[in-house]
Amino acid sequence: MQINVAQQLRSSIGSIRDYEVSDIIDVTGDGSGSLVQGKVRLMRTDRGILAKGVLDTEVELTCSRCLSLFDCPLALNVEEEYFPTTDVVSGASLPLPEEFGCFTIDEHHVLDLTGAIHQCALLAIPMKPLCREDCAGLCPDCGHNLNLGLCNCLPQGADHRWSELSKLASAGNDLMSEEKGTE
């Protein structure tokens, strides 16, 4: 997603240009493209161009509970400053700021939003993606996807190591029901 900003680099500080974005980009770096749509505002700063915008896309993820593939919508909040590498008037090379990993405008005065979109997408992807809030996951014995229905495994009995805790919990429940009955 490239935008030529030569005219805006010649403009005064504070000049603003708005762009509609609709492009297919490999936002996750896995080789598959996703449609990215939204609006980006480019503002001339004293050092370069500030790109701000909200973009929407959708990526295919694997559910962390049931291992099914699903489409996950993402809202990307892009806010990055781009620094020119070449002076727009003289064509002389410009020194880059000492900031590590800063985004640059190339020698042809083209600003490429792809890197910033990629970084924002990686931050927006959930750490434990779920296909749905109430995902039942997989059966621990046979591996059946419990979202598709129950499996044929026999129910497991309670672990005897938890028996004392179960007695304590049932005693607490009995105490709570006695208190409710006295009110």
C-alpha atoms as a PDB file:
ATOM      1  CA  MET A   1       0.000   0.000   0.000  1.00  0.00           C
ATOM      2  CA  GLN A   2       2.059   2.856  -1.343  1.00  0.00           C
ATOM      3  CA  ILE A   3       1.311   6.589  -1.445  1.00  0.00           C
ATOM      4  CA  ASN A   4       3.410   9.205  -3.226  1.00  0.00           C
ATOM      5  CA  VAL A   5       3.898  12.068  -0.767  1.00  0.00           C
ATOM      6  CA  ALA A   6       6.225  14.344  -2.795  1.00  0.00           C
ATOM      7  CA  GLN A   7       3.635  17.162  -2.949  1.00  0.00           C
ATOM      8  CA  GLN A   8       2.866  16.896   0.748  1.00  0.00           C
ATOM      9  CA  LEU A   9       6.585  17.030   1.642  1.00  0.00           C
ATOM     10  CA  ARG A  10       6.697  20.381  -0.179  1.00  0.00           C
ATOM     11  CA  SER A  11       3.656  21.621   1.777  1.00  0.00           C
ATOM     12  CA  SER A  12       3.751  23.517   5.041  1.00  0.00           C
ATOM     13  CA  ILE A  13       3.850  21.779   8.403  1.00  0.00           C
ATOM     14  CA  GLY A  14       0.366  20.715   9.451  1.00  0.00           C
ATOM     15  CA  SER A  15      -1.004  20.122   5.948  1.00  0.00           C
ATOM     16  CA  ILE A  16      -3.363  17.143   5.892  1.00  0.00           C
ATOM     17  CA  ARG A  17      -4.416  14.693   3.205  1.00  0.00           C
ATOM     18  CA  ASP A  18      -6.991  11.926   3.676  1.00  0.00           C
ATOM     19  CA  TYR A  19      -6.899   8.643   1.773  1.00  0.00           C
ATOM     20  CA  GLU A  20      -9.364   5.798   1.415  1.00  0.00           C
ATOM     21  CA  VAL A  21      -7.602   2.453   1.744  1.00  0.00           C
ATOM     22  CA  SER A  22      -8.813  -0.737   0.105  1.00  0.00           C
ATOM     23  CA  ASP A  23      -6.061  -3.169  -0.763  1.00  0.00           C
ATOM     24  CA  ILE A  24      -5.109  -6.814  -0.322  1.00  0.00           C
ATOM     25  CA  ILE A  25      -2.078  -7.147   1.957  1.00  0.00           C
ATOM     26  CA  ASP A  26      -0.282 -10.048   3.625  1.00  0.00           C
ATOM     27  CA  VAL A  27      -0.929  -8.717   7.139  1.00  0.00           C
ATOM     28  CA  THR A  28       0.272 -11.792   9.058  1.00  0.00           C
ATOM     29  CA  GLY A  29       3.319 -12.649   6.965  1.00  0.00           C
ATOM     30  CA  ASP A  30       2.107 -16.160   6.127  1.00  0.00           C
ATOM     31  CA  GLY A  31       1.750 -15.514   2.398  1.00  0.00           C
ATOM     32  CA  SER A  32      -2.037 -15.148   2.357  1.00  0.00           C
ATOM     33  CA  GLY A  33      -3.550 -11.789   1.495  1.00  0.00           C
ATOM     34  CA  SER A  34      -6.331 -10.104   3.434  1.00  0.00           C
ATOM     35  CA  LEU A  35      -8.505  -7.199   2.343  1.00  0.00           C
ATOM     36  CA  VAL A  36      -7.609  -4.099   4.370  1.00  0.00           C
ATOM     37  CA  GLN A  37     -10.087  -1.197   4.279  1.00  0.00           C
ATOM     38  CA  GLY A  38     -10.429   2.109   6.056  1.00  0.00           C
ATOM     39  CA  LYS A  39      -9.206   5.687   6.113  1.00  0.00           C
ATOM     40  CA  VAL A  40      -5.709   7.053   6.637  1.00  0.00           C
ATOM     41  CA  ARG A  41      -4.844  10.672   7.357  1.00  0.00           C
ATOM     42  CA  LEU A  42      -1.364  11.885   6.433  1.00  0.00           C
ATOM     43  CA  MET A  43      -0.154  15.021   8.195  1.00  0.00           C
ATOM     44  CA  ARG A  44       3.055  16.898   7.379  1.00  0.00           C
ATOM     45  CA  THR A  45       5.263  17.241  10.468  1.00  0.00           C
ATOM     46  CA  ASP A  46       8.524  19.092  10.978  1.00  0.00           C
ATOM     47  CA  ARG A  47      10.416  15.811  10.453  1.00  0.00           C
ATOM     48  CA  GLY A  48       8.286  13.920   7.911  1.00  0.00           C
ATOM     49  CA  ILE A  49       4.756  12.555   7.545  1.00  0.00           C
ATOM     50  CA  LEU A  50       2.533  11.256  10.358  1.00  0.00           C
ATOM     51  CA  ALA A  51       0.163   8.497   9.216  1.00  0.00           C
ATOM     52  CA  LYS A  52      -2.925   7.929  11.397  1.00  0.00           C
ATOM     53  CA  GLY A  53      -5.893   5.772  10.612  1.00  0.00           C
ATOM     54  CA  VAL A  54      -8.249   2.975  11.534  1.00  0.00           C
ATOM     55  CA  LEU A  55      -8.245   0.015   9.181  1.00  0.00           C
ATOM     56  CA  ASP A  56     -10.382  -3.118   9.240  1.00  0.00           C
ATOM     57  CA  THR A  57      -9.311  -6.539   8.058  1.00  0.00           C
ATOM     58  CA  GLU A  58      -9.945 -10.204   8.695  1.00  0.00           C
ATOM     59  CA  VAL A  59      -7.367 -12.960   9.196  1.00  0.00           C
ATOM     60  CA  GLU A  60      -7.698 -16.721   9.328  1.00  0.00           C
ATOM     61  CA  LEU A  61      -6.652 -18.111  12.731  1.00  0.00           C
ATOM     62  CA  THR A  62      -6.667 -21.453  14.513  1.00  0.00           C
ATOM     63  CA  CYS A  63      -8.872 -21.686  17.602  1.00  0.00           C
ATOM     64  CA  SER A  64      -6.765 -22.346  20.699  1.00  0.00           C
ATOM     65  CA  ARG A  65      -9.395 -24.721  22.150  1.00  0.00           C
ATOM     66  CA  CYS A  66     -10.796 -26.774  19.270  1.00  0.00           C
ATOM     67  CA  LEU A  67      -8.051 -26.221  16.646  1.00  0.00           C
ATOM     68  CA  SER A  68     -10.604 -25.230  13.976  1.00  0.00           C
ATOM     69  CA  LEU A  69      -9.798 -22.517  11.447  1.00  0.00           C
ATOM     70  CA  PHE A  70     -11.954 -19.391  11.644  1.00  0.00           C
ATOM     71  CA  ASP A  71     -11.970 -15.821  10.318  1.00  0.00           C
ATOM     72  CA  CYS A  72     -11.114 -13.263  12.996  1.00  0.00           C
ATOM     73  CA  PRO A  73     -11.976  -9.575  12.357  1.00  0.00           C
ATOM     74  CA  LEU A  74      -9.283  -7.068  13.355  1.00  0.00           C
ATOM     75  CA  ALA A  75      -9.423  -3.299  13.826  1.00  0.00           C
ATOM     76  CA  LEU A  76      -5.980  -1.811  13.239  1.00  0.00           C
ATOM     77  CA  ASN A  77      -5.105   1.557  14.762  1.00  0.00           C
ATOM     78  CA  VAL A  78      -2.171   2.805  12.739  1.00  0.00           C
ATOM     79  CA  GLU A  79      -0.158   5.769  14.004  1.00  0.00           C
ATOM     80  CA  GLU A  80       3.395   6.009  12.691  1.00  0.00           C
ATOM     81  CA  GLU A  81       5.710   8.792  11.601  1.00  0.00           C
ATOM     82  CA  TYR A  82       7.579   8.308   8.331  1.00  0.00           C
ATOM     83  CA  PHE A  83      10.894  10.032   7.692  1.00  0.00           C
ATOM     84  CA  PRO A  84      12.152  11.048   4.222  1.00  0.00           C
ATOM     85  CA  THR A  85      15.482   9.613   3.034  1.00  0.00           C
ATOM     86  CA  THR A  86      15.872  12.175   0.234  1.00  0.00           C
ATOM     87  CA  ASP A  87      15.244  15.930   0.253  1.00  0.00           C
ATOM     88  CA  VAL A  88      12.246  16.615  -1.996  1.00  0.00           C
ATOM     89  CA  VAL A  89      13.709  19.879  -3.373  1.00  0.00           C
ATOM     90  CA  SER A  90      17.431  19.203  -3.802  1.00  0.00           C
ATOM     91  CA  GLY A  91      17.478  15.393  -4.070  1.00  0.00           C
ATOM     92  CA  ALA A  92      20.225  15.184  -1.429  1.00  0.00           C
ATOM     93  CA  SER A  93      20.285  12.275   0.998  1.00  0.00           C
ATOM     94  CA  LEU A  94      18.932  13.033   4.456  1.00  0.00           C
ATOM     95  CA  PRO A  95      20.160  11.518   7.737  1.00  0.00           C
ATOM     96  CA  LEU A  96      17.689   9.208   9.450  1.00  0.00           C
ATOM     97  CA  PRO A  97      16.668   9.770  13.066  1.00  0.00           C
ATOM     98  CA  GLU A  98      18.394   7.639  15.670  1.00  0.00           C
ATOM     99  CA  GLU A  99      15.128   5.843  16.476  1.00  0.00           C
ATOM    100  CA  PHE A 100      15.444   2.087  15.967  1.00  0.00           C
ATOM    101  CA  GLY A 101      12.998   0.611  13.452  1.00  0.00           C
ATOM    102  CA  CYS A 102      11.635   3.906  12.195  1.00  0.00           C
ATOM    103  CA  PHE A 103       9.606   3.943   8.995  1.00  0.00           C
ATOM    104  CA  THR A 104      11.029   5.767   5.985  1.00  0.00           C
ATOM    105  CA  ILE A 105       9.846   7.413   2.799  1.00  0.00           C
ATOM    106  CA  ASP A 106      11.933   6.096  -0.101  1.00  0.00           C
ATOM    107  CA  GLU A 107      14.059   8.107  -2.542  1.00  0.00           C
ATOM    108  CA  HIS A 108      11.078   8.390  -4.915  1.00  0.00           C
ATOM    109  CA  HIS A 109       9.020   9.992  -2.095  1.00  0.00           C
ATOM    110  CA  VAL A 110       6.768   6.946  -1.727  1.00  0.00           C
ATOM    111  CA  LEU A 111       5.396   6.125   1.710  1.00  0.00           C
ATOM    112  CA  ASP A 112       4.659   2.396   2.144  1.00  0.00           C
ATOM    113  CA  LEU A 113       2.057   1.585   4.828  1.00  0.00           C
ATOM    114  CA  THR A 114       2.509  -2.198   4.536  1.00  0.00           C
ATOM    115  CA  GLY A 115       5.092  -2.509   7.329  1.00  0.00           C
ATOM    116  CA  ALA A 116       3.058  -0.471   9.797  1.00  0.00           C
ATOM    117  CA  ILE A 117      -0.104  -2.418   8.940  1.00  0.00           C
ATOM    118  CA  HIS A 118       1.769  -5.698   9.428  1.00  0.00           C
ATOM    119  CA  GLN A 119       3.021  -4.596  12.868  1.00  0.00           C
ATOM    120  CA  CYS A 120      -0.414  -3.383  13.966  1.00  0.00           C
ATOM    121  CA  ALA A 121      -2.014  -6.638  12.818  1.00  0.00           C
ATOM    122  CA  LEU A 122       0.456  -8.735  14.795  1.00  0.00           C
ATOM    123  CA  LEU A 123      -0.372  -6.694  17.902  1.00  0.00           C
ATOM    124  CA  ALA A 124      -4.140  -6.945  17.289  1.00  0.00           C
ATOM    125  CA  ILE A 125      -4.251 -10.742  16.905  1.00  0.00           C
ATOM    126  CA  PRO A 126      -5.443 -12.286  20.193  1.00  0.00           C
ATOM    127  CA  MET A 127      -2.913 -14.398  22.100  1.00  0.00           C
ATOM    128  CA  LYS A 128      -5.432 -17.204  22.553  1.00  0.00           C
ATOM    129  CA  PRO A 129      -7.844 -16.901  19.636  1.00  0.00           C
ATOM    130  CA  LEU A 130     -11.264 -18.494  20.084  1.00  0.00           C
ATOM    131  CA  CYS A 131     -13.642 -19.369  17.269  1.00  0.00           C
ATOM    132  CA  ARG A 132     -16.456 -18.308  19.619  1.00  0.00           C
ATOM    133  CA  GLU A 133     -16.761 -17.318  23.291  1.00  0.00           C
ATOM    134  CA  ASP A 134     -18.346 -20.618  24.373  1.00  0.00           C
ATOM    135  CA  CYS A 135     -16.007 -22.920  22.439  1.00  0.00           C
ATOM    136  CA  ALA A 136     -16.166 -26.359  24.102  1.00  0.00           C
ATOM    137  CA  GLY A 137     -12.739 -27.450  22.857  1.00  0.00           C
ATOM    138  CA  LEU A 138     -11.601 -31.031  22.310  1.00  0.00           C
ATOM    139  CA  CYS A 139     -12.313 -34.173  24.329  1.00  0.00           C
ATOM    140  CA  PRO A 140      -9.148 -34.879  26.355  1.00  0.00           C
ATOM    141  CA  ASP A 141      -9.498 -38.626  25.728  1.00  0.00           C
ATOM    142  CA  CYS A 142     -10.446 -39.066  22.069  1.00  0.00           C
ATOM    143  CA  GLY A 143      -9.799 -35.572  20.633  1.00  0.00           C
ATOM    144  CA  HIS A 144     -13.346 -35.129  19.278  1.00  0.00           C
ATOM    145  CA  ASN A 145     -14.389 -31.506  18.661  1.00  0.00           C
ATOM    146  CA  LEU A 146     -17.039 -30.987  21.356  1.00  0.00           C
ATOM    147  CA  ASN A 147     -18.570 -28.080  19.413  1.00  0.00           C
ATOM    148  CA  LEU A 148     -19.892 -30.711  16.979  1.00  0.00           C
ATOM    149  CA  GLY A 149     -21.582 -32.698  19.743  1.00  0.00           C
ATOM    150  CA  LEU A 150     -20.673 -35.060  22.542  1.00  0.00           C
ATOM    151  CA  CYS A 151     -18.235 -37.896  21.955  1.00  0.00           C
ATOM    152  CA  ASN A 152     -18.716 -41.579  22.869  1.00  0.00           C
ATOM    153  CA  CYS A 153     -16.200 -41.544  25.724  1.00  0.00           C
ATOM    154  CA  LEU A 154     -17.402 -42.711  29.124  1.00  0.00           C
ATOM    155  CA  PRO A 155     -17.571 -39.954  31.737  1.00  0.00           C
ATOM    156  CA  GLN A 156     -14.557 -39.986  34.000  1.00  0.00           C
ATOM    157  CA  GLY A 157     -15.065 -40.340  37.711  1.00  0.00           C
ATOM    158  CA  ALA A 158     -13.844 -37.622  40.013  1.00  0.00           C
ATOM    159  CA  ASP A 159     -10.204 -37.737  41.038  1.00  0.00           C
ATOM    160  CA  HIS A 160     -10.004 -39.111  44.596  1.00  0.00           C
ATOM    161  CA  ARG A 161      -7.328 -36.527  45.444  1.00  0.00           C
ATOM    162  CA  TRP A 162     -10.035 -33.840  45.327  1.00  0.00           C
ATOM    163  CA  SER A 163     -12.489 -35.665  47.632  1.00  0.00           C
ATOM    164  CA  GLU A 164     -11.719 -33.564  50.732  1.00  0.00           C
ATOM    165  CA  LEU A 165     -12.184 -30.363  48.760  1.00  0.00           C
ATOM    166  CA  SER A 166     -15.502 -31.669  47.396  1.00  0.00           C
ATOM    167  CA  LYS A 167     -16.708 -32.369  50.955  1.00  0.00           C
ATOM    168  CA  LEU A 168     -15.730 -28.845  51.990  1.00  0.00           C
ATOM    169  CA  ALA A 169     -17.569 -27.342  49.008  1.00  0.00           C
ATOM    170  CA  SER A 170     -20.749 -29.335  49.692  1.00  0.00           C
ATOM    171  CA  ALA A 171     -20.598 -28.334  53.393  1.00  0.00           C
ATOM    172  CA  GLY A 172     -20.341 -24.700  52.299  1.00  0.00           C
ATOM    173  CA  ASN A 173     -23.360 -25.144  50.017  1.00  0.00           C
ATOM    174  CA  ASP A 174     -25.355 -26.710  52.866  1.00  0.00           C
ATOM    175  CA  LEU A 175     -24.453 -23.794  55.121  1.00  0.00           C
ATOM    176  CA  MET A 176     -25.516 -21.279  52.457  1.00  0.00           C
ATOM    177  CA  SER A 177     -28.916 -22.985  51.981  1.00  0.00           C
ATOM    178  CA  GLU A 178     -29.508 -23.002  55.771  1.00  0.00           C
ATOM    179  CA  GLU A 179     -28.796 -19.258  55.930  1.00  0.00           C
ATOM    180  CA  LYS A 180     -31.208 -18.576  53.086  1.00  0.00           C
ATOM    181  CA  GLY A 181     -33.913 -20.592  54.819  1.00  0.00           C
ATOM    182  CA  THR A 182     -33.629 -18.539  58.048  1.00  0.00           C
ATOM    183  CA  GLU A 183     -34.234 -15.182  56.376  1.00  0.00           C
END
